[in-house]
Structures are given as C-alpha cells and as structure tokens.
Amino acid sequence: MSNKFSEYNSKYNHPNDDLEKLISKYSKKSQSELMNEFIKLSSEKIKNGTFNKENINNIKNTIFPYLTEEQKKSFYSIISQVTNE
C-alpha cells in the first residue's frame, strides 16, 4: 500500500505524513459520517468557487462506468444535496 501512497504523494505533492493524517482522520468514521463530511466540504468549495459543475461532471464521467445503478442513484442524491438542486 505504501507504493500507492508514494505514487499519490508524488503526483499531488502531498507529504506522506499529511496523507497518513487524512487516513487516520477518516478511517474510523461511519459511512454516514463520511457522507456528511463530504457534503459539508463540497458545499463549502462550491460557495468559495473552487468546486463547480464541471468538476462534478468530470468526477461523474470518471466513476460512472464502475458504479452499480444503486450507487449512481446515491451519487445523484449526494450531488443534489451538495448543489442544493
């Protein structure tokens, strides 16, 4: 697993200890807690202009081929909460 961290860190310029802190911070959270955190952070990024519909569409286009129908519905539900649509 450290190999993948190294690749991620070099690609996105994240020091290992920062990534490990993030993993530690989120690894013990429930799915519900993770979704609430995602919605909160995404909403903040939309409000400050660092996350927009183009970003959302890029994410959608990247992950949709790998999702089940149920996961796609969840994605739309989450995005509607984030964008207040």
PDB file of N, CA and C in Angstrom:
ATOM      1  N   MET A   1       0.812  -1.197   0.000  1.00  0.00           N
ATOM      2  CA  MET A   1       0.000   0.000   0.000  1.00  0.00           C
ATOM      3  C   MET A   1       0.855   1.260   0.000  1.00  0.00           C
ATOM      4  N   SER A   2       1.993   1.217   0.611  1.00  0.00           N
ATOM      5  CA  SER A   2       2.851   2.401   0.642  1.00  0.00           C
ATOM      6  C   SER A   2       3.274   2.817  -0.757  1.00  0.00           C
ATOM      7  N   ASN A   3       3.363   1.859  -1.671  1.00  0.00           N
ATOM      8  CA  ASN A   3       3.679   2.186  -3.051  1.00  0.00           C
ATOM      9  C   ASN A   3       2.625   3.117  -3.641  1.00  0.00           C
ATOM     10  N   LYS A   4       1.361   2.817  -3.408  1.00  0.00           N
ATOM     11  CA  LYS A   4       0.289   3.657  -3.920  1.00  0.00           C
ATOM     12  C   LYS A   4       0.321   5.036  -3.272  1.00  0.00           C
ATOM     13  N   PHE A   5       0.627   5.078  -1.983  1.00  0.00           N
ATOM     14  CA  PHE A   5       0.769   6.371  -1.322  1.00  0.00           C
ATOM     15  C   PHE A   5       1.889   7.173  -1.958  1.00  0.00           C
ATOM     16  N   SER A   6       2.995   6.523  -2.236  1.00  0.00           N
ATOM     17  CA  SER A   6       4.136   7.214  -2.848  1.00  0.00           C
ATOM     18  C   SER A   6       3.755   7.786  -4.201  1.00  0.00           C
ATOM     19  N   GLU A   7       3.049   6.991  -5.000  1.00  0.00           N
ATOM     20  CA  GLU A   7       2.610   7.470  -6.314  1.00  0.00           C
ATOM     21  C   GLU A   7       1.674   8.656  -6.157  1.00  0.00           C
ATOM     22  N   TYR A   8       0.718   8.548  -5.238  1.00  0.00           N
ATOM     23  CA  TYR A   8      -0.233   9.635  -4.997  1.00  0.00           C
ATOM     24  C   TYR A   8       0.501  10.879  -4.516  1.00  0.00           C
ATOM     25  N   ASN A   9       1.389  10.692  -3.565  1.00  0.00           N
ATOM     26  CA  ASN A   9       2.111  11.819  -2.992  1.00  0.00           C
ATOM     27  C   ASN A   9       2.951  12.537  -4.029  1.00  0.00           C
ATOM     28  N   SER A  10       3.639  11.788  -4.878  1.00  0.00           N
ATOM     29  CA  SER A  10       4.476  12.444  -5.878  1.00  0.00           C
ATOM     30  C   SER A  10       3.625  13.123  -6.946  1.00  0.00           C
ATOM     31  N   LYS A  11       2.481  12.528  -7.271  1.00  0.00           N
ATOM     32  CA  LYS A  11       1.610  13.119  -8.290  1.00  0.00           C
ATOM     33  C   LYS A  11       0.956  14.403  -7.786  1.00  0.00           C
ATOM     34  N   TYR A  12       0.545  14.420  -6.524  1.00  0.00           N
ATOM     35  CA  TYR A  12      -0.201  15.556  -5.986  1.00  0.00           C
ATOM     36  C   TYR A  12       0.578  16.366  -4.954  1.00  0.00           C
ATOM     37  N   ASN A  13       1.854  16.058  -4.793  1.00  0.00           N
ATOM     38  CA  ASN A  13       2.727  16.786  -3.869  1.00  0.00           C
ATOM     39  C   ASN A  13       2.206  16.801  -2.430  1.00  0.00           C
ATOM     40  N   HIS A  14       1.752  15.650  -1.967  1.00  0.00           N
ATOM     41  CA  HIS A  14       1.335  15.504  -0.579  1.00  0.00           C
ATOM     42  C   HIS A  14       2.411  14.750   0.184  1.00  0.00           C
ATOM     43  N   PRO A  15       2.896  15.335   1.276  1.00  0.00           N
ATOM     44  CA  PRO A  15       3.836  14.584   2.105  1.00  0.00           C
ATOM     45  C   PRO A  15       3.145  13.366   2.718  1.00  0.00           C
ATOM     46  N   ASN A  16       3.884  12.288   2.914  1.00  0.00           N
ATOM     47  CA  ASN A  16       3.310  11.061   3.476  1.00  0.00           C
ATOM     48  C   ASN A  16       2.588  11.300   4.784  1.00  0.00           C
ATOM     49  N   ASP A  17       3.160  12.107   5.653  1.00  0.00           N
ATOM     50  CA  ASP A  17       2.522  12.293   6.956  1.00  0.00           C
ATOM     51  C   ASP A  17       1.175  12.993   6.825  1.00  0.00           C
ATOM     52  N   ASP A  18       1.007  13.886   5.852  1.00  0.00           N
ATOM     53  CA  ASP A  18      -0.294  14.527   5.638  1.00  0.00           C
ATOM     54  C   ASP A  18      -1.325  13.502   5.189  1.00  0.00           C
ATOM     55  N   LEU A  19      -0.938  12.634   4.278  1.00  0.00           N
ATOM     56  CA  LEU A  19      -1.849  11.610   3.783  1.00  0.00           C
ATOM     57  C   LEU A  19      -2.201  10.635   4.906  1.00  0.00           C
ATOM     58  N   GLU A  20      -1.230  10.275   5.686  1.00  0.00           N
ATOM     59  CA  GLU A  20      -1.492   9.376   6.807  1.00  0.00           C
ATOM     60  C   GLU A  20      -2.411  10.033   7.835  1.00  0.00           C
ATOM     61  N   LYS A  21      -2.271  11.327   8.043  1.00  0.00           N
ATOM     62  CA  LYS A  21      -3.181  12.045   8.956  1.00  0.00           C
ATOM     63  C   LYS A  21      -4.610  12.009   8.417  1.00  0.00           C
ATOM     64  N   LEU A  22      -4.755  12.216   7.094  1.00  0.00           N
ATOM     65  CA  LEU A  22      -6.086  12.159   6.497  1.00  0.00           C
ATOM     66  C   LEU A  22      -6.695  10.774   6.641  1.00  0.00           C
ATOM     67  N   ILE A  23      -5.908   9.758   6.388  1.00  0.00           N
ATOM     68  CA  ILE A  23      -6.404   8.389   6.515  1.00  0.00           C
ATOM     69  C   ILE A  23      -6.819   8.125   7.948  1.00  0.00           C
ATOM     70  N   SER A  24      -5.996   8.527   8.878  1.00  0.00           N
ATOM     71  CA  SER A  24      -6.306   8.342  10.291  1.00  0.00           C
ATOM     72  C   SER A  24      -7.579   9.091  10.676  1.00  0.00           C
ATOM     73  N   LYS A  25      -7.727  10.297  10.164  1.00  0.00           N
ATOM     74  CA  LYS A  25      -8.886  11.126  10.493  1.00  0.00           C
ATOM     75  C   LYS A  25     -10.190  10.493  10.011  1.00  0.00           C
ATOM     76  N   TYR A  26     -10.183   9.899   8.823  1.00  0.00           N
ATOM     77  CA  TYR A  26     -11.417   9.410   8.224  1.00  0.00           C
ATOM     78  C   TYR A  26     -11.636   7.905   8.342  1.00  0.00           C
ATOM     79  N   SER A  27     -10.630   7.148   8.677  1.00  0.00           N
ATOM     80  CA  SER A  27     -10.749   5.685   8.641  1.00  0.00           C
ATOM     81  C   SER A  27     -11.729   5.110   9.657  1.00  0.00           C
ATOM     82  N   LYS A  28     -11.948   5.788  10.733  1.00  0.00           N
ATOM     83  CA  LYS A  28     -12.834   5.260  11.769  1.00  0.00           C
ATOM     84  C   LYS A  28     -14.253   5.831  11.689  1.00  0.00           C
ATOM     85  N   LYS A  29     -14.515   6.644  10.692  1.00  0.00           N
ATOM     86  CA  LYS A  29     -15.845   7.246  10.558  1.00  0.00           C
ATOM     87  C   LYS A  29     -16.795   6.272   9.855  1.00  0.00           C
ATOM     88  N   SER A  30     -18.051   6.382  10.197  1.00  0.00           N
ATOM     89  CA  SER A  30     -19.081   5.573   9.538  1.00  0.00           C
ATOM     90  C   SER A  30     -19.352   6.136   8.142  1.00  0.00           C
ATOM     91  N   GLN A  31     -20.075   5.371   7.355  1.00  0.00           N
ATOM     92  CA  GLN A  31     -20.426   5.842   6.019  1.00  0.00           C
ATOM     93  C   GLN A  31     -21.237   7.131   6.102  1.00  0.00           C
ATOM     94  N   SER A  32     -22.143   7.183   7.044  1.00  0.00           N
ATOM     95  CA  SER A  32     -22.971   8.376   7.235  1.00  0.00           C
ATOM     96  C   SER A  32     -22.112   9.590   7.594  1.00  0.00           C
ATOM     97  N   GLU A  33     -21.165   9.397   8.500  1.00  0.00           N
ATOM     98  CA  GLU A  33     -20.278  10.499   8.887  1.00  0.00           C
ATOM     99  C   GLU A  33     -19.426  10.953   7.702  1.00  0.00           C
ATOM    100  N   LEU A  34     -18.947  10.000   6.914  1.00  0.00           N
ATOM    101  CA  LEU A  34     -18.144  10.348   5.737  1.00  0.00           C
ATOM    102  C   LEU A  34     -18.973  11.127   4.722  1.00  0.00           C
ATOM    103  N   MET A  35     -20.221  10.709   4.511  1.00  0.00           N
ATOM    104  CA  MET A  35     -21.081  11.403   3.553  1.00  0.00           C
ATOM    105  C   MET A  35     -21.378  12.820   4.036  1.00  0.00           C
ATOM    106  N   ASN A  36     -21.655  12.968   5.320  1.00  0.00           N
ATOM    107  CA  ASN A  36     -21.911  14.308   5.854  1.00  0.00           C
ATOM    108  C   ASN A  36     -20.692  15.205   5.703  1.00  0.00           C
ATOM    109  N   GLU A  37     -19.520  14.669   5.964  1.00  0.00           N
ATOM    110  CA  GLU A  37     -18.282  15.436   5.813  1.00  0.00           C
ATOM    111  C   GLU A  37     -18.054  15.818   4.350  1.00  0.00           C
ATOM    112  N   PHE A  38     -18.296  14.868   3.437  1.00  0.00           N
ATOM    113  CA  PHE A  38     -18.147  15.143   2.013  1.00  0.00           C
ATOM    114  C   PHE A  38     -19.097  16.256   1.579  1.00  0.00           C
ATOM    115  N   ILE A  39     -20.344  16.160   1.991  1.00  0.00           N
ATOM    116  CA  ILE A  39     -21.346  17.170   1.631  1.00  0.00           C
ATOM    117  C   ILE A  39     -20.947  18.532   2.187  1.00  0.00           C
ATOM    118  N   LYS A  40     -20.520  18.561   3.429  1.00  0.00           N
ATOM    119  CA  LYS A  40     -20.102  19.821   4.057  1.00  0.00           C
ATOM    120  C   LYS A  40     -18.930  20.451   3.307  1.00  0.00           C
ATOM    121  N   LEU A  41     -17.882  19.656   3.066  1.00  0.00           N
ATOM    122  CA  LEU A  41     -16.690  20.189   2.394  1.00  0.00           C
ATOM    123  C   LEU A  41     -16.981  20.591   0.955  1.00  0.00           C
ATOM    124  N   SER A  42     -17.766  19.776   0.257  1.00  0.00           N
ATOM    125  CA  SER A  42     -18.102  20.094  -1.135  1.00  0.00           C
ATOM    126  C   SER A  42     -18.933  21.362  -1.223  1.00  0.00           C
ATOM    127  N   SER A  43     -19.889  21.503  -0.316  1.00  0.00           N
ATOM    128  CA  SER A  43     -20.720  22.715  -0.307  1.00  0.00           C
ATOM    129  C   SER A  43     -19.869  23.955  -0.069  1.00  0.00           C
ATOM    130  N   GLU A  44     -18.918  23.854   0.854  1.00  0.00           N
ATOM    131  CA  GLU A  44     -18.016  24.981   1.116  1.00  0.00           C
ATOM    132  C   GLU A  44     -17.204  25.325  -0.125  1.00  0.00           C
ATOM    133  N   LYS A  45     -16.715  24.299  -0.826  1.00  0.00           N
ATOM    134  CA  LYS A  45     -15.912  24.538  -2.025  1.00  0.00           C
ATOM    135  C   LYS A  45     -16.749  25.156  -3.146  1.00  0.00           C
ATOM    136  N   ILE A  46     -18.002  24.753  -3.252  1.00  0.00           N
ATOM    137  CA  ILE A  46     -18.892  25.357  -4.252  1.00  0.00           C
ATOM    138  C   ILE A  46     -19.108  26.834  -3.925  1.00  0.00           C
ATOM    139  N   LYS A  47     -19.350  27.126  -2.660  1.00  0.00           N
ATOM    140  CA  LYS A  47     -19.583  28.515  -2.241  1.00  0.00           C
ATOM    141  C   LYS A  47     -18.370  29.403  -2.486  1.00  0.00           C
ATOM    142  N   ASN A  48     -17.161  28.863  -2.277  1.00  0.00           N
ATOM    143  CA  ASN A  48     -15.979  29.706  -2.478  1.00  0.00           C
ATOM    144  C   ASN A  48     -15.416  29.613  -3.901  1.00  0.00           C
ATOM    145  N   GLY A  49     -16.117  28.870  -4.779  1.00  0.00           N
ATOM    146  CA  GLY A  49     -15.749  28.848  -6.191  1.00  0.00           C
ATOM    147  C   GLY A  49     -14.653  27.878  -6.583  1.00  0.00           C
ATOM    148  N   THR A  50     -14.251  26.994  -5.684  1.00  0.00           N
ATOM    149  CA  THR A  50     -13.183  26.050  -6.029  1.00  0.00           C
ATOM    150  C   THR A  50     -13.716  24.692  -6.478  1.00  0.00           C
ATOM    151  N   PHE A  51     -15.034  24.537  -6.527  1.00  0.00           N
ATOM    152  CA  PHE A  51     -15.667  23.297  -6.983  1.00  0.00           C
ATOM    153  C   PHE A  51     -16.912  23.708  -7.736  1.00  0.00           C
ATOM    154  N   ASN A  52     -17.079  23.204  -8.975  1.00  0.00           N
ATOM    155  CA  ASN A  52     -18.205  23.630  -9.788  1.00  0.00           C
ATOM    156  C   ASN A  52     -18.794  22.457 -10.570  1.00  0.00           C
ATOM    157  N   LYS A  53     -19.806  22.752 -11.389  1.00  0.00           N
ATOM    158  CA  LYS A  53     -20.489  21.697 -12.149  1.00  0.00           C
ATOM    159  C   LYS A  53     -19.534  20.956 -13.080  1.00  0.00           C
ATOM    160  N   GLU A  54     -18.558  21.636 -13.621  1.00  0.00           N
ATOM    161  CA  GLU A  54     -17.583  20.971 -14.492  1.00  0.00           C
ATOM    162  C   GLU A  54     -16.796  19.925 -13.697  1.00  0.00           C
ATOM    163  N   ASN A  55     -16.394  20.281 -12.480  1.00  0.00           N
ATOM    164  CA  ASN A  55     -15.701  19.314 -11.623  1.00  0.00           C
ATOM    165  C   ASN A  55     -16.588  18.115 -11.328  1.00  0.00           C
ATOM    166  N   ILE A  56     -17.847  18.385 -11.018  1.00  0.00           N
ATOM    167  CA  ILE A  56     -18.794  17.313 -10.716  1.00  0.00           C
ATOM    168  C   ILE A  56     -18.965  16.405 -11.931  1.00  0.00           C
ATOM    169  N   ASN A  57     -19.115  16.995 -13.111  1.00  0.00           N
ATOM    170  CA  ASN A  57     -19.260  16.189 -14.328  1.00  0.00           C
ATOM    171  C   ASN A  57     -18.012  15.366 -14.612  1.00  0.00           C
ATOM    172  N   ASN A  58     -16.842  15.915 -14.344  1.00  0.00           N
ATOM    173  CA  ASN A  58     -15.603  15.158 -14.540  1.00  0.00           C
ATOM    174  C   ASN A  58     -15.556  13.946 -13.612  1.00  0.00           C
ATOM    175  N   ILE A  59     -15.957  14.162 -12.364  1.00  0.00           N
ATOM    176  CA  ILE A  59     -15.996  13.046 -11.407  1.00  0.00           C
ATOM    177  C   ILE A  59     -17.001  11.998 -11.884  1.00  0.00           C
ATOM    178  N   LYS A  60     -18.184  12.473 -12.265  1.00  0.00           N
ATOM    179  CA  LYS A  60     -19.235  11.568 -12.738  1.00  0.00           C
ATOM    180  C   LYS A  60     -18.741  10.749 -13.927  1.00  0.00           C
ATOM    181  N   ASN A  61     -18.168  11.409 -14.910  1.00  0.00           N
ATOM    182  CA  ASN A  61     -17.707  10.709 -16.106  1.00  0.00           C
ATOM    183  C   ASN A  61     -16.603   9.706 -15.804  1.00  0.00           C
ATOM    184  N   THR A  62     -15.823   9.986 -14.785  1.00  0.00           N
ATOM    185  CA  THR A  62     -14.729   9.096 -14.409  1.00  0.00           C
ATOM    186  C   THR A  62     -15.230   7.859 -13.676  1.00  0.00           C
ATOM    187  N   ILE A  63     -16.170   8.045 -12.751  1.00  0.00           N
ATOM    188  CA  ILE A  63     -16.549   6.911 -11.903  1.00  0.00           C
ATOM    189  C   ILE A  63     -17.790   6.153 -12.363  1.00  0.00           C
ATOM    190  N   PHE A  64     -18.665   6.751 -13.170  1.00  0.00           N
ATOM    191  CA  PHE A  64     -19.920   6.094 -13.514  1.00  0.00           C
ATOM    192  C   PHE A  64     -19.758   4.726 -14.165  1.00  0.00           C
ATOM    193  N   PRO A  65     -18.766   4.502 -15.005  1.00  0.00           N
ATOM    194  CA  PRO A  65     -18.638   3.153 -15.583  1.00  0.00           C
ATOM    195  C   PRO A  65     -18.417   2.061 -14.540  1.00  0.00           C
ATOM    196  N   TYR A  66     -17.996   2.428 -13.354  1.00  0.00           N
ATOM    197  CA  TYR A  66     -17.671   1.458 -12.305  1.00  0.00           C
ATOM    198  C   TYR A  66     -18.769   1.313 -11.254  1.00  0.00           C
ATOM    199  N   LEU A  67     -19.840   2.090 -11.367  1.00  0.00           N
ATOM    200  CA  LEU A  67     -20.876   2.098 -10.348  1.00  0.00           C
ATOM    201  C   LEU A  67     -22.071   1.235 -10.740  1.00  0.00           C
ATOM    202  N   THR A  68     -22.714   0.682  -9.713  1.00  0.00           N
ATOM    203  CA  THR A  68     -23.980  -0.016  -9.925  1.00  0.00           C
ATOM    204  C   THR A  68     -25.081   1.034 -10.050  1.00  0.00           C
ATOM    205  N   GLU A  69     -26.262   0.596 -10.430  1.00  0.00           N
ATOM    206  CA  GLU A  69     -27.383   1.530 -10.535  1.00  0.00           C
ATOM    207  C   GLU A  69     -27.688   2.167  -9.180  1.00  0.00           C
ATOM    208  N   GLU A  70     -27.613   1.385  -8.120  1.00  0.00           N
ATOM    209  CA  GLU A  70     -27.863   1.908  -6.783  1.00  0.00           C
ATOM    210  C   GLU A  70     -26.832   2.976  -6.411  1.00  0.00           C
ATOM    211  N   GLN A  71     -25.577   2.739  -6.739  1.00  0.00           N
ATOM    212  CA  GLN A  71     -24.523   3.712  -6.447  1.00  0.00           C
ATOM    213  C   GLN A  71     -24.706   4.983  -7.273  1.00  0.00           C
ATOM    214  N   LYS A  72     -25.163   4.835  -8.506  1.00  0.00           N
ATOM    215  CA  LYS A  72     -25.429   6.012  -9.338  1.00  0.00           C
ATOM    216  C   LYS A  72     -26.542   6.864  -8.726  1.00  0.00           C
ATOM    217  N   LYS A  73     -27.577   6.209  -8.216  1.00  0.00           N
ATOM    218  CA  LYS A  73     -28.670   6.946  -7.559  1.00  0.00           C
ATOM    219  C   LYS A  73     -28.134   7.678  -6.329  1.00  0.00           C
ATOM    220  N   SER A  74     -27.283   7.013  -5.575  1.00  0.00           N
ATOM    221  CA  SER A  74     -26.678   7.649  -4.396  1.00  0.00           C
ATOM    222  C   SER A  74     -25.852   8.858  -4.807  1.00  0.00           C
ATOM    223  N   PHE A  75     -25.098   8.712  -5.890  1.00  0.00           N
ATOM    224  CA  PHE A  75     -24.284   9.820  -6.391  1.00  0.00           C
ATOM    225  C   PHE A  75     -25.171  11.029  -6.679  1.00  0.00           C
ATOM    226  N   TYR A  76     -26.265  10.804  -7.419  1.00  0.00           N
ATOM    227  CA  TYR A  76     -27.164  11.908  -7.750  1.00  0.00           C
ATOM    228  C   TYR A  76     -27.773  12.528  -6.493  1.00  0.00           C
ATOM    229  N   SER A  77     -28.103  11.700  -5.518  1.00  0.00           N
ATOM    230  CA  SER A  77     -28.670  12.201  -4.270  1.00  0.00           C
ATOM    231  C   SER A  77     -27.657  13.081  -3.545  1.00  0.00           C
ATOM    232  N   ILE A  78     -26.438  12.628  -3.476  1.00  0.00           N
ATOM    233  CA  ILE A  78     -25.381  13.404  -2.809  1.00  0.00           C
ATOM    234  C   ILE A  78     -25.130  14.705  -3.523  1.00  0.00           C
ATOM    235  N   ILE A  79     -25.030  14.648  -4.846  1.00  0.00           N
ATOM    236  CA  ILE A  79     -24.759  15.865  -5.636  1.00  0.00           C
ATOM    237  C   ILE A  79     -25.893  16.859  -5.490  1.00  0.00           C
ATOM    238  N   SER A  80     -27.133  16.371  -5.445  1.00  0.00           N
ATOM    239  CA  SER A  80     -28.248  17.312  -5.279  1.00  0.00           C
ATOM    240  C   SER A  80     -28.183  17.996  -3.909  1.00  0.00           C
ATOM    241  N   GLN A  81     -27.713  17.273  -2.892  1.00  0.00           N
ATOM    242  CA  GLN A  81     -27.551  17.883  -1.576  1.00  0.00           C
ATOM    243  C   GLN A  81     -26.425  18.915  -1.574  1.00  0.00           C
ATOM    244  N   VAL A  82     -25.354  18.605  -2.267  1.00  0.00           N
ATOM    245  CA  VAL A  82     -24.197  19.489  -2.327  1.00  0.00           C
ATOM    246  C   VAL A  82     -24.521  20.769  -3.075  1.00  0.00           C
ATOM    247  N   THR A  83     -25.249  20.628  -4.188  1.00  0.00           N
ATOM    248  CA  THR A  83     -25.524  21.776  -5.041  1.00  0.00           C
ATOM    249  C   THR A  83     -26.857  22.440  -4.713  1.00  0.00           C
ATOM    250  N   ASN A  84     -27.585  21.864  -3.767  1.00  0.00           N
ATOM    251  CA  ASN A  84     -28.910  22.388  -3.375  1.00  0.00           C
ATOM    252  C   ASN A  84     -29.877  22.448  -4.558  1.00  0.00           C
ATOM    253  N   GLU A  85     -29.813  21.456  -5.414  1.00  0.00           N
ATOM    254  CA  GLU A  85     -30.732  21.406  -6.581  1.00  0.00           C
ATOM    255  C   GLU A  85     -31.792  20.351  -6.392  1.00  0.00           C
TER     256      GLU A  85
END
